[in-house]
Amino acid sequence: MLKILHMVVAGMLLAVGVAGCGNVSQPRKSDFPDNEFKEIPQEYFSINPDGGTVLSIKYETKDYTGSKEKYEKTALIYLPKGYNQDDKDTKYNVFYWMHGGGGSEKEAFGGLMSDSDYKNLLDNMIANGDMQPCIVVTPTYNNKFNGDATACTNYFWEELVNDLIPAVEGQYNTYCEKTTSAGIKASRLHRGFGGFSMGAACTWWVFENALEEVGYFLPVAGDSWSLGMGAGGSQPDNAASHLADVVRDYGYDWEDFYIYCGVGSNDDMAGPNMRPMINSMKKEEFSDVFKWADNFKDGNFYFIERQGGWHDYNTCYRVAYNGLPKFFG
């Protein structure tokens, strides 16, 4: 099987990358925290006075759902404590997080210079060494030319790859040293994408269409809609087979990406569709691309079910708390 070629660095996430110089091999990381579910310490939701900052970034994009009309959009961006624009030697991983239905780029952080549970969680995870300082971007799939949220989530991957990643990672100190197609692909293992509900559906579409550009995926409370809305529940084996074939068509296998996902046990909206698809993805016939493991040193795929969790951000926080250290720990 063709193997993805990455940057030559000593560690998968902590070493300085050489994005933009062409594809060269990179070893897999071998040390991960275990994947079992852990509750968030209550104090992690307290304001950390030495925490990071939430700013905004504007970028030009277009209506990828059809008209191709150009327009300007805004995303919010979290910069961790200590970020220094003039310190070009310190590089940061980037996590893109997509909101759920009816939301906006402000859903997670609340707005500019705001405090929120999501920001407090990130601040305290970083301060306590659970994860490395990381840039977090919250865009929106909303499109001024198209009110169909399903279509907007379906095509958001084009906006992500062509417009948002270059705008963010061309401005801030990330491992993507050149925002060319080659540079973005070479730095994929320093980039993650996740989302809640419709944002999870968006995450699965990013997985299918931008696997060369993104290495880590964190869908919460949502299945893949490529075979139709709710296909993860109505035809789970077909949905899993489709996703596996997508990976194989890239020439990738389980060593080339990671999926950490979850849902609440009381989530009657997303759970009935997500659980069956995940269970099918665990089957032996798909283990060449979806290798279930309690620790990512042995695989690339894990699913948690938060007991008592609902279809809400309390579940998102807990999946993120458990998943992000596996990506950027």
Protein backbone atom coordinates (compact mmCIF):
# COMPACT_ATOMS: atom_id res chain seq x y z
CA MET A 1 0.00 0.00 0.00
CA LEU A 2 1.14 3.49 -0.73
CA LYS A 3 2.20 5.23 2.44
CA ILE A 4 1.64 8.88 3.13
CA LEU A 5 4.86 10.84 3.18
CA HIS A 6 5.23 13.32 5.97
CA MET A 7 7.89 15.68 7.35
CA VAL A 8 11.10 14.24 8.79
CA VAL A 9 10.99 15.22 12.42
CA ALA A 10 11.87 13.51 15.67
CA GLY A 11 8.34 13.63 17.09
CA MET A 12 4.98 13.74 15.44
CA LEU A 13 3.58 16.84 17.11
CA LEU A 14 6.26 18.61 19.08
CA ALA A 15 9.12 19.09 16.67
CA VAL A 16 9.36 21.98 14.25
CA GLY A 17 8.06 21.00 10.83
CA VAL A 18 9.42 21.76 7.39
CA ALA A 19 6.10 22.23 5.61
CA GLY A 20 6.30 23.42 2.06
CA CYS A 21 9.53 21.66 1.15
CA GLY A 22 7.79 18.63 -0.32
CA ASN A 23 6.59 15.39 1.21
CA VAL A 24 9.10 13.51 3.33
CA SER A 25 8.57 10.70 5.83
CA GLN A 26 7.66 11.26 9.47
CA PRO A 27 7.59 8.58 12.17
CA ARG A 28 4.40 7.85 14.09
CA LYS A 29 4.23 9.08 17.63
CA SER A 30 4.55 6.16 20.07
CA ASP A 31 3.55 7.67 23.43
CA PHE A 32 -0.12 8.48 24.07
CA PRO A 33 -2.35 8.78 27.14
CA ASP A 34 -4.86 5.93 27.38
CA ASN A 35 -8.20 6.48 25.66
CA GLU A 36 -10.55 5.65 28.52
CA PHE A 37 -13.07 8.32 29.52
CA LYS A 38 -12.16 10.71 32.33
CA GLU A 39 -14.43 13.34 33.84
CA ILE A 40 -13.36 16.98 33.73
CA PRO A 41 -12.22 18.39 37.09
CA GLN A 42 -14.78 21.03 38.04
CA GLU A 43 -12.08 23.65 38.52
CA TYR A 44 -11.27 23.43 34.81
CA PHE A 45 -14.40 25.48 34.14
CA SER A 46 -13.12 28.32 36.34
CA ILE A 47 -11.65 31.41 34.74
CA ASN A 48 -7.87 31.24 34.51
CA PRO A 49 -6.61 34.83 34.83
CA ASP A 50 -3.48 33.87 32.90
CA GLY A 51 -5.37 32.19 30.09
CA GLY A 52 -5.32 32.75 26.36
CA THR A 53 -7.06 35.33 24.19
CA VAL A 54 -9.96 35.09 21.75
CA LEU A 55 -9.59 37.25 18.64
CA SER A 56 -11.20 37.28 15.21
CA ILE A 57 -9.85 36.77 11.73
CA LYS A 58 -11.48 37.83 8.47
CA TYR A 59 -10.86 35.98 5.24
CA GLU A 60 -12.18 35.94 1.70
CA THR A 61 -14.01 32.86 0.51
CA LYS A 62 -16.70 31.95 -2.00
CA ASP A 63 -19.97 30.08 -2.26
CA TYR A 64 -18.68 26.58 -2.93
CA THR A 65 -22.23 25.19 -2.97
CA GLY A 66 -22.88 26.59 -6.42
CA SER A 67 -22.71 30.29 -7.30
CA LYS A 68 -18.96 30.74 -6.61
CA GLU A 69 -19.71 34.30 -5.52
CA LYS A 70 -16.92 35.75 -3.38
CA TYR A 71 -17.57 37.24 0.05
CA GLU A 72 -15.87 37.91 3.38
CA LYS A 73 -16.29 35.72 6.45
CA THR A 74 -15.17 35.89 10.06
CA ALA A 75 -13.85 33.15 12.34
CA LEU A 76 -12.81 33.37 15.98
CA ILE A 77 -9.37 32.26 16.98
CA TYR A 78 -8.01 31.27 20.38
CA LEU A 79 -4.35 32.06 21.02
CA PRO A 80 -2.92 30.32 24.10
CA LYS A 81 -1.11 32.13 26.85
CA GLY A 82 2.44 33.00 25.82
CA TYR A 83 1.74 33.20 22.10
CA ASN A 84 4.17 35.73 20.62
CA GLN A 85 3.77 36.68 16.99
CA ASP A 86 7.42 37.74 16.84
CA ASP A 87 8.65 34.34 18.08
CA LYS A 88 8.85 32.55 14.75
CA ASP A 89 10.74 29.61 16.24
CA THR A 90 7.79 28.47 18.39
CA LYS A 91 5.23 26.64 16.29
CA TYR A 92 1.66 25.72 17.20
CA ASN A 93 -0.72 22.92 16.28
CA VAL A 94 -4.14 24.07 15.07
CA PHE A 95 -7.56 22.64 15.89
CA TYR A 96 -10.62 23.75 13.89
CA TRP A 97 -13.97 23.34 15.66
CA MET A 98 -17.35 23.56 13.89
CA HIS A 99 -20.57 24.50 15.67
CA GLY A 100 -23.90 22.70 15.49
CA GLY A 101 -27.13 23.52 13.69
CA GLY A 102 -28.36 27.07 14.12
CA GLY A 103 -25.06 28.22 15.60
CA SER A 104 -22.30 30.53 14.45
CA GLU A 105 -18.58 31.08 14.81
CA LYS A 106 -19.34 32.59 18.27
CA GLU A 107 -20.99 29.45 19.66
CA ALA A 108 -17.98 27.98 21.47
CA PHE A 109 -16.18 31.12 22.66
CA GLY A 110 -19.07 33.56 23.02
CA GLY A 111 -17.35 36.37 21.16
CA LEU A 112 -14.21 38.48 21.11
CA MET A 113 -12.21 38.70 24.32
CA SER A 114 -14.88 36.62 26.05
CA ASP A 115 -14.69 33.94 28.69
CA SER A 116 -16.67 30.75 28.16
CA ASP A 117 -16.65 27.19 29.44
CA TYR A 118 -14.85 26.13 26.26
CA LYS A 119 -12.15 28.78 26.65
CA ASN A 120 -11.77 28.07 30.36
CA LEU A 121 -11.38 24.38 29.60
CA LEU A 122 -8.64 25.03 27.03
CA ASP A 123 -6.86 27.49 29.34
CA ASN A 124 -6.81 25.02 32.23
CA MET A 125 -5.89 21.99 30.12
CA ILE A 126 -2.89 23.87 28.78
CA ALA A 127 -1.95 25.33 32.18
CA ASN A 128 -2.05 21.87 33.77
CA GLY A 129 0.00 20.23 31.03
CA ASP A 130 -2.80 18.04 29.65
CA MET A 131 -2.03 19.30 26.14
CA GLN A 132 0.52 21.49 24.44
CA PRO A 133 -0.41 25.14 23.78
CA CYS A 134 -2.62 25.02 20.71
CA ILE A 135 -4.38 27.48 18.41
CA VAL A 136 -8.13 26.80 18.18
CA VAL A 137 -10.23 28.23 15.36
CA THR A 138 -14.05 28.36 15.36
CA PRO A 139 -15.42 29.11 11.88
CA THR A 140 -18.98 28.78 10.60
CA TYR A 141 -20.38 26.81 7.71
CA ASN A 142 -23.09 29.48 7.29
CA ASN A 143 -23.14 30.84 3.75
CA LYS A 144 -24.77 34.15 2.78
CA PHE A 145 -25.71 32.70 -0.61
CA ASN A 146 -27.21 29.41 0.59
CA GLY A 147 -29.48 28.76 3.56
CA ASP A 148 -29.31 24.97 3.22
CA ALA A 149 -27.17 23.98 6.21
CA THR A 150 -26.66 20.44 4.91
CA ALA A 151 -25.21 21.71 1.64
CA CYS A 152 -23.05 24.21 3.50
CA THR A 153 -21.56 21.55 5.77
CA ASN A 154 -21.05 19.24 2.78
CA TYR A 155 -18.94 21.76 0.88
CA PHE A 156 -17.21 23.47 3.78
CA TRP A 157 -14.08 21.39 3.23
CA GLU A 158 -13.33 23.44 0.12
CA GLU A 159 -13.51 26.66 2.11
CA LEU A 160 -11.33 25.10 4.81
CA VAL A 161 -8.57 23.98 2.46
CA ASN A 162 -8.61 26.83 -0.04
CA ASP A 163 -9.35 29.81 2.19
CA LEU A 164 -9.46 29.31 5.96
CA ILE A 165 -6.28 27.29 6.51
CA PRO A 166 -4.21 29.67 4.35
CA ALA A 167 -5.68 32.69 6.17
CA VAL A 168 -5.03 31.32 9.67
CA GLU A 169 -1.82 29.41 9.17
CA GLY A 170 -0.36 31.99 6.83
CA GLN A 171 -0.73 34.64 9.54
CA TYR A 172 0.02 32.81 12.78
CA ASN A 173 3.06 30.79 13.86
CA THR A 174 2.09 27.25 12.90
CA TYR A 175 3.89 24.27 11.40
CA CYS A 176 2.57 25.20 7.98
CA GLU A 177 5.43 27.36 6.80
CA LYS A 178 4.02 27.80 3.29
CA THR A 179 0.30 27.78 2.58
CA THR A 180 0.69 26.14 -0.78
CA SER A 181 -1.13 22.88 -1.39
CA ALA A 182 2.11 20.98 -0.74
CA GLY A 183 2.80 22.93 2.45
CA ILE A 184 -0.68 22.33 3.86
CA LYS A 185 -0.47 18.62 3.09
CA ALA A 186 3.01 18.30 4.58
CA SER A 187 1.80 19.80 7.89
CA ARG A 188 -1.42 17.72 8.17
CA LEU A 189 -0.28 15.96 11.37
CA HIS A 190 -0.26 19.31 13.14
CA ARG A 191 -3.89 20.00 12.25
CA GLY A 192 -7.20 18.68 13.56
CA PHE A 193 -10.88 19.22 12.78
CA GLY A 194 -13.92 18.48 14.90
CA GLY A 195 -17.49 19.53 15.39
CA PHE A 196 -20.79 19.01 17.16
CA SER A 197 -24.01 17.64 15.61
CA MET A 198 -24.14 19.22 12.13
CA GLY A 199 -20.54 20.17 12.83
CA ALA A 200 -19.87 16.44 13.24
CA ALA A 201 -21.46 15.78 9.83
CA CYS A 202 -19.16 18.51 8.52
CA THR A 203 -16.22 16.74 10.18
CA TRP A 204 -16.98 13.48 8.38
CA TRP A 205 -17.13 15.37 5.06
CA VAL A 206 -13.78 17.00 5.84
CA PHE A 207 -12.47 13.52 6.60
CA GLU A 208 -13.61 12.27 3.20
CA ASN A 209 -12.45 15.21 1.13
CA ALA A 210 -9.48 16.68 3.00
CA LEU A 211 -7.70 13.69 4.51
CA GLU A 212 -4.52 14.83 2.79
CA GLU A 213 -4.74 18.14 4.64
CA VAL A 214 -6.00 17.07 8.10
CA GLY A 215 -4.67 14.28 10.30
CA TYR A 216 -6.93 14.34 13.38
CA PHE A 217 -10.73 14.19 13.63
CA LEU A 218 -13.05 14.71 16.59
CA PRO A 219 -16.73 14.36 15.58
CA VAL A 220 -19.18 14.65 18.48
CA ALA A 221 -22.80 13.51 18.26
CA GLY A 222 -23.03 12.98 14.52
CA ASP A 223 -22.61 10.33 11.83
CA SER A 224 -21.49 10.54 8.21
CA TRP A 225 -24.21 11.78 5.85
CA SER A 226 -22.47 10.87 2.61
CA LEU A 227 -25.03 8.12 1.94
CA GLY A 228 -27.88 10.27 3.22
CA MET A 229 -28.87 11.95 6.47
CA GLY A 230 -28.91 9.35 9.24
CA ALA A 231 -27.30 6.67 7.08
CA GLY A 232 -25.05 5.72 9.99
CA GLY A 233 -28.16 4.32 11.65
CA SER A 234 -30.17 3.09 8.66
CA GLN A 235 -27.27 1.48 6.78
CA PRO A 236 -24.30 1.35 9.14
CA ASP A 237 -22.32 -1.32 7.27
CA ASN A 238 -22.59 0.62 4.01
CA ALA A 239 -21.59 3.85 5.74
CA ALA A 240 -18.55 2.19 7.32
CA SER A 241 -17.60 0.52 4.04
CA HIS A 242 -17.87 3.83 2.22
CA LEU A 243 -15.59 5.59 4.70
CA ALA A 244 -13.08 2.73 4.57
CA ASP A 245 -13.00 2.84 0.78
CA VAL A 246 -12.38 6.59 0.92
CA VAL A 247 -9.28 6.01 3.03
CA ARG A 248 -8.03 3.22 0.78
CA ASP A 249 -8.53 5.38 -2.29
CA TYR A 250 -6.15 7.92 -0.75
CA GLY A 251 -3.61 5.11 -0.40
CA TYR A 252 -3.66 5.51 3.40
CA ASP A 253 -4.06 3.02 6.21
CA TRP A 254 -4.62 3.19 9.98
CA GLU A 255 -1.19 4.65 10.64
CA ASP A 256 -1.94 7.84 8.72
CA PHE A 257 -4.74 9.51 10.72
CA TYR A 258 -6.65 9.44 14.02
CA ILE A 259 -10.33 9.58 14.96
CA TYR A 260 -11.47 10.23 18.53
CA CYS A 261 -15.25 10.61 18.71
CA GLY A 262 -18.15 10.39 21.13
CA VAL A 263 -21.79 10.90 22.01
CA GLY A 264 -23.92 11.16 25.15
CA SER A 265 -25.73 8.05 26.38
CA ASN A 266 -29.00 10.03 26.55
CA ASP A 267 -28.57 11.59 23.10
CA ASP A 268 -31.65 10.29 21.29
CA MET A 269 -31.02 12.60 18.33
CA ALA A 270 -27.51 11.59 17.23
CA GLY A 271 -26.86 8.42 19.20
CA PRO A 272 -29.15 6.08 17.20
CA ASN A 273 -27.26 7.00 14.03
CA MET A 274 -23.72 7.36 15.34
CA ARG A 275 -23.46 4.22 17.48
CA PRO A 276 -24.36 1.70 14.73
CA MET A 277 -21.92 3.28 12.27
CA ILE A 278 -19.12 3.25 14.83
CA ASN A 279 -19.86 -0.38 15.69
CA SER A 280 -19.62 -1.28 12.01
CA MET A 281 -16.34 0.62 11.69
CA LYS A 282 -14.95 -1.63 14.44
CA LYS A 283 -15.41 -4.74 12.30
CA GLU A 284 -12.34 -6.75 11.29
CA GLU A 285 -12.93 -6.14 7.58
CA PHE A 286 -12.16 -2.46 8.12
CA SER A 287 -9.24 -2.88 10.53
CA ASP A 288 -6.69 -1.94 7.87
CA VAL A 289 -7.99 1.64 8.06
CA PHE A 290 -9.99 1.84 11.33
CA LYS A 291 -7.96 0.11 14.01
CA TRP A 292 -9.76 0.25 17.34
CA ALA A 293 -7.37 0.55 20.28
CA ASP A 294 -7.39 1.61 23.92
CA ASN A 295 -4.21 3.55 23.26
CA PHE A 296 -3.31 5.23 19.98
CA LYS A 297 0.13 3.66 20.00
CA ASP A 298 -1.73 0.51 18.91
CA GLY A 299 -4.41 1.99 16.64
CA ASN A 300 -6.10 5.13 15.37
CA PHE A 301 -9.79 4.92 16.28
CA TYR A 302 -11.76 5.32 19.51
CA PHE A 303 -15.32 6.15 20.58
CA ILE A 304 -16.56 7.21 23.99
CA GLU A 305 -20.11 7.32 25.28
CA ARG A 306 -20.56 9.81 28.09
CA GLN A 307 -22.95 8.22 30.58
CA GLY A 308 -25.78 10.63 31.32
CA GLY A 309 -24.71 12.91 28.48
CA TRP A 310 -27.22 14.64 26.22
CA HIS A 311 -27.07 16.36 22.82
CA ASP A 312 -25.33 19.41 24.19
CA TYR A 313 -22.04 21.16 24.76
CA ASN A 314 -21.51 19.47 28.12
CA THR A 315 -20.89 16.30 26.12
CA CYS A 316 -18.69 18.19 23.64
CA TYR A 317 -16.51 19.54 26.42
CA ARG A 318 -15.91 16.05 27.75
CA VAL A 319 -15.09 14.49 24.41
CA ALA A 320 -12.70 17.37 23.71
CA TYR A 321 -11.13 17.04 27.17
CA ASN A 322 -10.47 13.36 26.53
CA GLY A 323 -9.58 13.62 22.84
CA LEU A 324 -7.38 16.66 22.39
CA PRO A 325 -4.52 15.33 24.58
CA LYS A 326 -4.37 12.31 22.24
CA PHE A 327 -3.86 14.70 19.33
CA PHE A 328 -1.70 17.43 20.80
CA GLY A 329 -0.52 16.05 24.14
